[in-house]
PDB file of N, CA and C in Angstrom:
ATOM      1  N   UNK A   1     -20.801  13.061  -6.520  1.00  0.00           N
ATOM      2  CA  UNK A   1     -20.923  12.816  -8.075  1.00  0.00           C
ATOM      3  C   UNK A   1     -19.459  13.573  -8.468  1.00  0.00           C
ATOM      4  N   UNK A   2     -18.764  13.816  -9.499  1.00  0.00           N
ATOM      5  CA  UNK A   2     -17.213  14.911 -10.176  1.00  0.00           C
ATOM      6  C   UNK A   2     -18.713  15.525 -11.486  1.00  0.00           C
ATOM      7  N   UNK A   3     -18.136  15.980 -11.183  1.00  0.00           N
ATOM      8  CA  UNK A   3     -18.514  17.385 -11.996  1.00  0.00           C
ATOM      9  C   UNK A   3     -17.339  17.859 -12.851  1.00  0.00           C
ATOM     10  N   UNK A   4     -16.448  17.537 -12.573  1.00  0.00           N
ATOM     11  CA  UNK A   4     -15.337  17.738 -13.166  1.00  0.00           C
ATOM     12  C   UNK A   4     -14.271  16.399 -13.494  1.00  0.00           C
ATOM     13  N   UNK A   5     -14.368  16.124 -14.718  1.00  0.00           N
ATOM     14  CA  UNK A   5     -13.752  14.864 -15.130  1.00  0.00           C
ATOM     15  C   UNK A   5     -12.710  14.634 -14.714  1.00  0.00           C
ATOM     16  N   UNK A   6     -11.818  15.894 -15.591  1.00  0.00           N
ATOM     17  CA  UNK A   6     -10.310  15.534 -15.716  1.00  0.00           C
ATOM     18  C   UNK A   6      -9.653  16.426 -15.257  1.00  0.00           C
ATOM     19  N   UNK A   7      -9.975  17.692 -14.531  1.00  0.00           N
ATOM     20  CA  UNK A   7      -9.458  17.430 -12.654  1.00  0.00           C
ATOM     21  C   UNK A   7      -9.618  16.168 -12.330  1.00  0.00           C
ATOM     22  N   UNK A   8     -10.401  15.526 -11.747  1.00  0.00           N
ATOM     23  CA  UNK A   8     -10.463  14.175 -10.936  1.00  0.00           C
ATOM     24  C   UNK A   8      -9.345  12.933 -11.593  1.00  0.00           C
ATOM     25  N   UNK A   9      -9.665  13.413 -12.872  1.00  0.00           N
ATOM     26  CA  UNK A   9      -8.418  11.984 -14.331  1.00  0.00           C
ATOM     27  C   UNK A   9      -6.481  13.045 -13.853  1.00  0.00           C
ATOM     28  N   UNK A  10      -6.824  14.520 -13.974  1.00  0.00           N
ATOM     29  CA  UNK A  10      -5.513  15.440 -13.098  1.00  0.00           C
ATOM     30  C   UNK A  10      -4.616  14.470 -11.479  1.00  0.00           C
ATOM     31  N   UNK A  11      -6.022  14.720 -11.126  1.00  0.00           N
ATOM     32  CA  UNK A  11      -5.528  14.194  -9.640  1.00  0.00           C
ATOM     33  C   UNK A  11      -5.061  12.792  -9.645  1.00  0.00           C
ATOM     34  N   UNK A  12      -6.511  11.974 -10.309  1.00  0.00           N
ATOM     35  CA  UNK A  12      -5.170  10.431  -9.968  1.00  0.00           C
ATOM     36  C   UNK A  12      -4.079  10.118 -10.199  1.00  0.00           C
ATOM     37  N   UNK A  13      -3.506  10.908 -11.066  1.00  0.00           N
ATOM     38  CA  UNK A  13      -2.895  10.982 -12.036  1.00  0.00           C
ATOM     39  C   UNK A  13      -1.506  11.479 -11.009  1.00  0.00           C
ATOM     40  N   UNK A  14      -1.674  12.259 -10.330  1.00  0.00           N
ATOM     41  CA  UNK A  14      -0.811  13.150  -9.706  1.00  0.00           C
ATOM     42  C   UNK A  14      -1.298  12.031  -8.424  1.00  0.00           C
ATOM     43  N   UNK A  15      -1.803  11.419  -7.879  1.00  0.00           N
ATOM     44  CA  UNK A  15      -1.704   9.899  -6.604  1.00  0.00           C
ATOM     45  C   UNK A  15      -0.599   9.475  -6.763  1.00  0.00           C
ATOM     46  N   UNK A  16      -1.386   8.297  -8.106  1.00  0.00           N
ATOM     47  CA  UNK A  16       0.149   7.807  -8.964  1.00  0.00           C
ATOM     48  C   UNK A  16       1.081   8.261  -8.959  1.00  0.00           C
ATOM     49  N   UNK A  17       2.042   9.406  -9.420  1.00  0.00           N
ATOM     50  CA  UNK A  17       2.766   9.785 -10.012  1.00  0.00           C
ATOM     51  C   UNK A  17       4.111   9.854  -7.949  1.00  0.00           C
ATOM     52  N   UNK A  18       2.906  10.410  -6.514  1.00  0.00           N
ATOM     53  CA  UNK A  18       3.385  10.068  -5.911  1.00  0.00           C
ATOM     54  C   UNK A  18       3.562   9.057  -4.953  1.00  0.00           C
ATOM     55  N   UNK A  19       2.746   7.740  -5.571  1.00  0.00           N
ATOM     56  CA  UNK A  19       3.156   6.734  -4.683  1.00  0.00           C
ATOM     57  C   UNK A  19       3.827   5.823  -4.696  1.00  0.00           C
ATOM     58  N   UNK A  20       4.592   4.949  -3.521  1.00  0.00           N
ATOM     59  CA  UNK A  20       5.274   4.402  -3.046  1.00  0.00           C
ATOM     60  C   UNK A  20       4.970   3.552  -2.809  1.00  0.00           C
ATOM     61  N   UNK A  21       4.784   2.178  -3.144  1.00  0.00           N
ATOM     62  CA  UNK A  21       3.688   1.078  -2.923  1.00  0.00           C
ATOM     63  C   UNK A  21       4.977   0.274  -3.716  1.00  0.00           C
ATOM     64  N   UNK A  22       5.247  -0.696  -2.607  1.00  0.00           N
ATOM     65  CA  UNK A  22       5.933  -1.533  -3.182  1.00  0.00           C
ATOM     66  C   UNK A  22       4.522  -2.971  -3.685  1.00  0.00           C
ATOM     67  N   UNK A  23       5.466  -3.771  -3.969  1.00  0.00           N
ATOM     68  CA  UNK A  23       4.815  -5.328  -5.169  1.00  0.00           C
ATOM     69  C   UNK A  23       4.110  -5.933  -3.903  1.00  0.00           C
ATOM     70  N   UNK A  24       4.555  -5.761  -2.722  1.00  0.00           N
ATOM     71  CA  UNK A  24       3.952  -6.154  -1.768  1.00  0.00           C
ATOM     72  C   UNK A  24       3.244  -5.439  -1.379  1.00  0.00           C
ATOM     73  N   UNK A  25       3.728  -4.642  -1.069  1.00  0.00           N
ATOM     74  CA  UNK A  25       2.161  -3.523  -0.421  1.00  0.00           C
ATOM     75  C   UNK A  25       0.979  -3.896  -1.628  1.00  0.00           C
ATOM     76  N   UNK A  26       1.041  -3.256  -2.935  1.00  0.00           N
ATOM     77  CA  UNK A  26       0.310  -3.606  -3.841  1.00  0.00           C
ATOM     78  C   UNK A  26      -0.935  -5.176  -3.729  1.00  0.00           C
ATOM     79  N   UNK A  27      -0.282  -5.616  -3.542  1.00  0.00           N
ATOM     80  CA  UNK A  27      -0.220  -6.988  -3.768  1.00  0.00           C
ATOM     81  C   UNK A  27      -1.283  -7.390  -2.426  1.00  0.00           C
ATOM     82  N   UNK A  28      -0.939  -6.692  -1.435  1.00  0.00           N
ATOM     83  CA  UNK A  28      -1.905  -6.037  -0.269  1.00  0.00           C
ATOM     84  C   UNK A  28      -2.898  -5.934   0.455  1.00  0.00           C
ATOM     85  N   UNK A  29      -2.804  -4.571  -0.596  1.00  0.00           N
ATOM     86  CA  UNK A  29      -3.904  -3.700  -0.869  1.00  0.00           C
ATOM     87  C   UNK A  29      -4.874  -3.939  -2.401  1.00  0.00           C
ATOM     88  N   UNK A  30      -5.326  -5.457  -3.584  1.00  0.00           N
ATOM     89  CA  UNK A  30      -5.519  -6.255  -4.015  1.00  0.00           C
ATOM     90  C   UNK A  30      -5.908  -7.057  -3.546  1.00  0.00           C
ATOM     91  N   UNK A  31      -5.357  -8.086  -2.854  1.00  0.00           N
ATOM     92  CA  UNK A  31      -6.413  -8.439  -1.400  1.00  0.00           C
ATOM     93  C   UNK A  31      -6.727  -8.101  -0.952  1.00  0.00           C
ATOM     94  N   UNK A  32      -7.024  -7.558   0.095  1.00  0.00           N
ATOM     95  CA  UNK A  32      -8.295  -6.483   0.811  1.00  0.00           C
ATOM     96  C   UNK A  32      -9.357  -5.809  -0.732  1.00  0.00           C
ATOM     97  N   UNK A  33      -9.267  -5.572  -1.922  1.00  0.00           N
ATOM     98  CA  UNK A  33     -10.922  -5.159  -2.248  1.00  0.00           C
ATOM     99  C   UNK A  33     -10.789  -6.309  -2.539  1.00  0.00           C
ATOM    100  N   UNK A  34     -10.124  -6.882  -2.844  1.00  0.00           N
ATOM    101  CA  UNK A  34     -10.642  -8.122  -3.647  1.00  0.00           C
ATOM    102  C   UNK A  34     -11.684  -8.914  -2.548  1.00  0.00           C
ATOM    103  N   UNK A  35     -11.290  -8.888  -1.480  1.00  0.00           N
ATOM    104  CA  UNK A  35     -12.453  -9.616  -0.156  1.00  0.00           C
ATOM    105  C   UNK A  35     -13.430  -9.041  -0.104  1.00  0.00           C
ATOM    106  N   UNK A  36     -12.546  -7.910  -0.162  1.00  0.00           N
ATOM    107  CA  UNK A  36     -14.555  -6.788  -0.124  1.00  0.00           C
ATOM    108  C   UNK A  36     -15.398  -6.756  -0.869  1.00  0.00           C
ATOM    109  N   UNK A  37     -14.905  -7.123  -2.126  1.00  0.00           N
ATOM    110  CA  UNK A  37     -15.556  -7.569  -3.179  1.00  0.00           C
ATOM    111  C   UNK A  37     -16.978  -8.668  -2.715  1.00  0.00           C
ATOM    112  N   UNK A  38     -16.307  -9.897  -2.164  1.00  0.00           N
ATOM    113  CA  UNK A  38     -17.101 -10.938  -2.731  1.00  0.00           C
ATOM    114  C   UNK A  38     -17.606 -10.216  -0.717  1.00  0.00           C
ATOM    115  N   UNK A  39     -17.414 -10.234   0.049  1.00  0.00           N
ATOM    116  CA  UNK A  39     -18.131 -10.208   0.618  1.00  0.00           C
ATOM    117  C   UNK A  39     -19.711  -9.026   0.527  1.00  0.00           C
ATOM    118  N   UNK A  40     -19.091  -7.833  -0.187  1.00  0.00           N
ATOM    119  CA  UNK A  40     -19.914  -7.182  -1.179  1.00  0.00           C
ATOM    120  C   UNK A  40     -20.663  -8.111  -1.139  1.00  0.00           C
ATOM    121  N   UNK A  41     -20.812  -8.971  -2.400  1.00  0.00           N
ATOM    122  CA  UNK A  41     -21.013  -9.633  -3.798  1.00  0.00           C
ATOM    123  C   UNK A  41     -21.128  -8.972  -4.132  1.00  0.00           C
ATOM    124  N   UNK A  42     -20.309  -8.564  -5.116  1.00  0.00           N
ATOM    125  CA  UNK A  42     -20.307  -8.098  -6.814  1.00  0.00           C
ATOM    126  C   UNK A  42     -19.885  -8.772  -6.971  1.00  0.00           C
ATOM    127  N   UNK A  43     -18.682  -9.882  -6.494  1.00  0.00           N
ATOM    128  CA  UNK A  43     -18.874 -11.375  -7.610  1.00  0.00           C
ATOM    129  C   UNK A  43     -18.570 -12.701  -6.759  1.00  0.00           C
ATOM    130  N   UNK A  44     -19.176 -13.471  -7.402  1.00  0.00           N
ATOM    131  CA  UNK A  44     -18.588 -14.363  -6.726  1.00  0.00           C
ATOM    132  C   UNK A  44     -17.526 -15.277  -6.093  1.00  0.00           C
ATOM    133  N   UNK A  45     -16.820 -16.162  -4.686  1.00  0.00           N
ATOM    134  CA  UNK A  45     -16.156 -16.034  -5.145  1.00  0.00           C
ATOM    135  C   UNK A  45     -16.102 -18.146  -5.140  1.00  0.00           C
ATOM    136  N   UNK A  46     -17.262 -18.207  -5.418  1.00  0.00           N
ATOM    137  CA  UNK A  46     -16.956 -19.911  -5.954  1.00  0.00           C
ATOM    138  C   UNK A  46     -16.707 -20.121  -7.488  1.00  0.00           C
ATOM    139  N   UNK A  47     -17.073 -18.260  -8.285  1.00  0.00           N
ATOM    140  CA  UNK A  47     -17.432 -18.831  -9.508  1.00  0.00           C
ATOM    141  C   UNK A  47     -16.372 -17.218  -9.693  1.00  0.00           C
ATOM    142  N   UNK A  48     -15.637 -17.567 -10.134  1.00  0.00           N
ATOM    143  CA  UNK A  48     -13.851 -16.758 -10.049  1.00  0.00           C
ATOM    144  C   UNK A  48     -13.821 -15.827 -11.809  1.00  0.00           C
ATOM    145  N   UNK A  49     -14.405 -16.875 -12.143  1.00  0.00           N
ATOM    146  CA  UNK A  49     -14.401 -16.408 -13.878  1.00  0.00           C
ATOM    147  C   UNK A  49     -15.321 -14.550 -13.707  1.00  0.00           C
ATOM    148  N   UNK A  50     -17.009 -15.217 -13.305  1.00  0.00           N
ATOM    149  CA  UNK A  50     -17.861 -13.782 -13.120  1.00  0.00           C
ATOM    150  C   UNK A  50     -16.862 -13.206 -13.764  1.00  0.00           C
ATOM    151  N   UNK A  51     -15.690 -12.746 -12.005  1.00  0.00           N
ATOM    152  CA  UNK A  51     -15.142 -11.321 -11.251  1.00  0.00           C
ATOM    153  C   UNK A  51     -14.412 -11.082 -12.226  1.00  0.00           C
ATOM    154  N   UNK A  52     -13.743 -12.041 -12.998  1.00  0.00           N
ATOM    155  CA  UNK A  52     -12.906 -11.668 -13.847  1.00  0.00           C
ATOM    156  C   UNK A  52     -12.510 -10.288 -14.431  1.00  0.00           C
ATOM    157  N   UNK A  53     -13.476  -9.639 -14.686  1.00  0.00           N
ATOM    158  CA  UNK A  53     -13.225  -8.112 -16.013  1.00  0.00           C
ATOM    159  C   UNK A  53     -12.573  -7.787 -14.194  1.00  0.00           C
ATOM    160  N   UNK A  54     -13.873  -7.743 -13.637  1.00  0.00           N
ATOM    161  CA  UNK A  54     -13.480  -7.003 -11.300  1.00  0.00           C
ATOM    162  C   UNK A  54     -12.095  -7.014 -11.558  1.00  0.00           C
ATOM    163  N   UNK A  55     -11.637  -8.463 -11.816  1.00  0.00           N
ATOM    164  CA  UNK A  55      -9.974  -7.949 -10.895  1.00  0.00           C
ATOM    165  C   UNK A  55      -9.192  -7.052 -11.963  1.00  0.00           C
ATOM    166  N   UNK A  56      -9.099  -7.844 -13.242  1.00  0.00           N
ATOM    167  CA  UNK A  56      -8.775  -7.264 -14.455  1.00  0.00           C
ATOM    168  C   UNK A  56      -8.028  -6.299 -13.693  1.00  0.00           C
ATOM    169  N   UNK A  57      -9.373  -5.148 -14.078  1.00  0.00           N
ATOM    170  CA  UNK A  57      -9.242  -3.801 -14.165  1.00  0.00           C
ATOM    171  C   UNK A  57      -8.563  -3.581 -12.617  1.00  0.00           C
ATOM    172  N   UNK A  58      -8.852  -4.528 -11.583  1.00  0.00           N
ATOM    173  CA  UNK A  58      -7.931  -3.848 -10.092  1.00  0.00           C
ATOM    174  C   UNK A  58      -7.073  -4.599 -10.419  1.00  0.00           C
ATOM    175  N   UNK A  59      -6.325  -5.223 -11.033  1.00  0.00           N
ATOM    176  CA  UNK A  59      -4.806  -5.015 -10.955  1.00  0.00           C
ATOM    177  C   UNK A  59      -4.496  -4.375 -11.984  1.00  0.00           C
ATOM    178  N   UNK A  60      -4.793  -3.816 -13.301  1.00  0.00           N
ATOM    179  CA  UNK A  60      -4.490  -2.955 -14.178  1.00  0.00           C
ATOM    180  C   UNK A  60      -4.616  -1.875 -13.250  1.00  0.00           C
ATOM    181  N   UNK A  61      -4.707  -1.007 -12.422  1.00  0.00           N
ATOM    182  CA  UNK A  61      -4.735  -0.429 -11.220  1.00  0.00           C
ATOM    183  C   UNK A  61      -3.515  -0.305 -10.413  1.00  0.00           C
ATOM    184  N   UNK A  62      -3.208  -1.467 -10.430  1.00  0.00           N
ATOM    185  CA  UNK A  62      -2.239  -1.853  -8.908  1.00  0.00           C
ATOM    186  C   UNK A  62      -1.148  -2.423  -9.848  1.00  0.00           C
ATOM    187  N   UNK A  63      -1.325  -2.382 -11.513  1.00  0.00           N
ATOM    188  CA  UNK A  63      -0.162  -2.342 -12.183  1.00  0.00           C
ATOM    189  C   UNK A  63       0.426  -1.245 -12.873  1.00  0.00           C
ATOM    190  N   UNK A  64       0.214   0.073 -12.551  1.00  0.00           N
ATOM    191  CA  UNK A  64      -0.179   1.932 -13.579  1.00  0.00           C
ATOM    192  C   UNK A  64       0.734   2.192 -12.216  1.00  0.00           C
ATOM    193  N   UNK A  65       0.818   1.514 -10.968  1.00  0.00           N
ATOM    194  CA  UNK A  65       1.220   2.205  -9.231  1.00  0.00           C
ATOM    195  C   UNK A  65       2.944   2.119 -10.048  1.00  0.00           C
ATOM    196  N   UNK A  66       3.968   2.743  -9.734  1.00  0.00           N
ATOM    197  CA  UNK A  66       5.710   2.321  -9.551  1.00  0.00           C
ATOM    198  C   UNK A  66       5.661   1.898  -8.929  1.00  0.00           C
TER     199      UNK A  66
END
């Protein structure tokens, strides 16, 4: 449980600044997260549009990494 959201957000911003991932590495992470979401049945691989919002959130996170 997060007790101080501001500290967590500051930590996340610092982590993003310090990450040095290539596009290929970011894409590999995205694909792994996507497969894990399917395995956990967060959304179905049969109807990709059901999980589209989740994919967009993951993509936004990955794209924020310089």
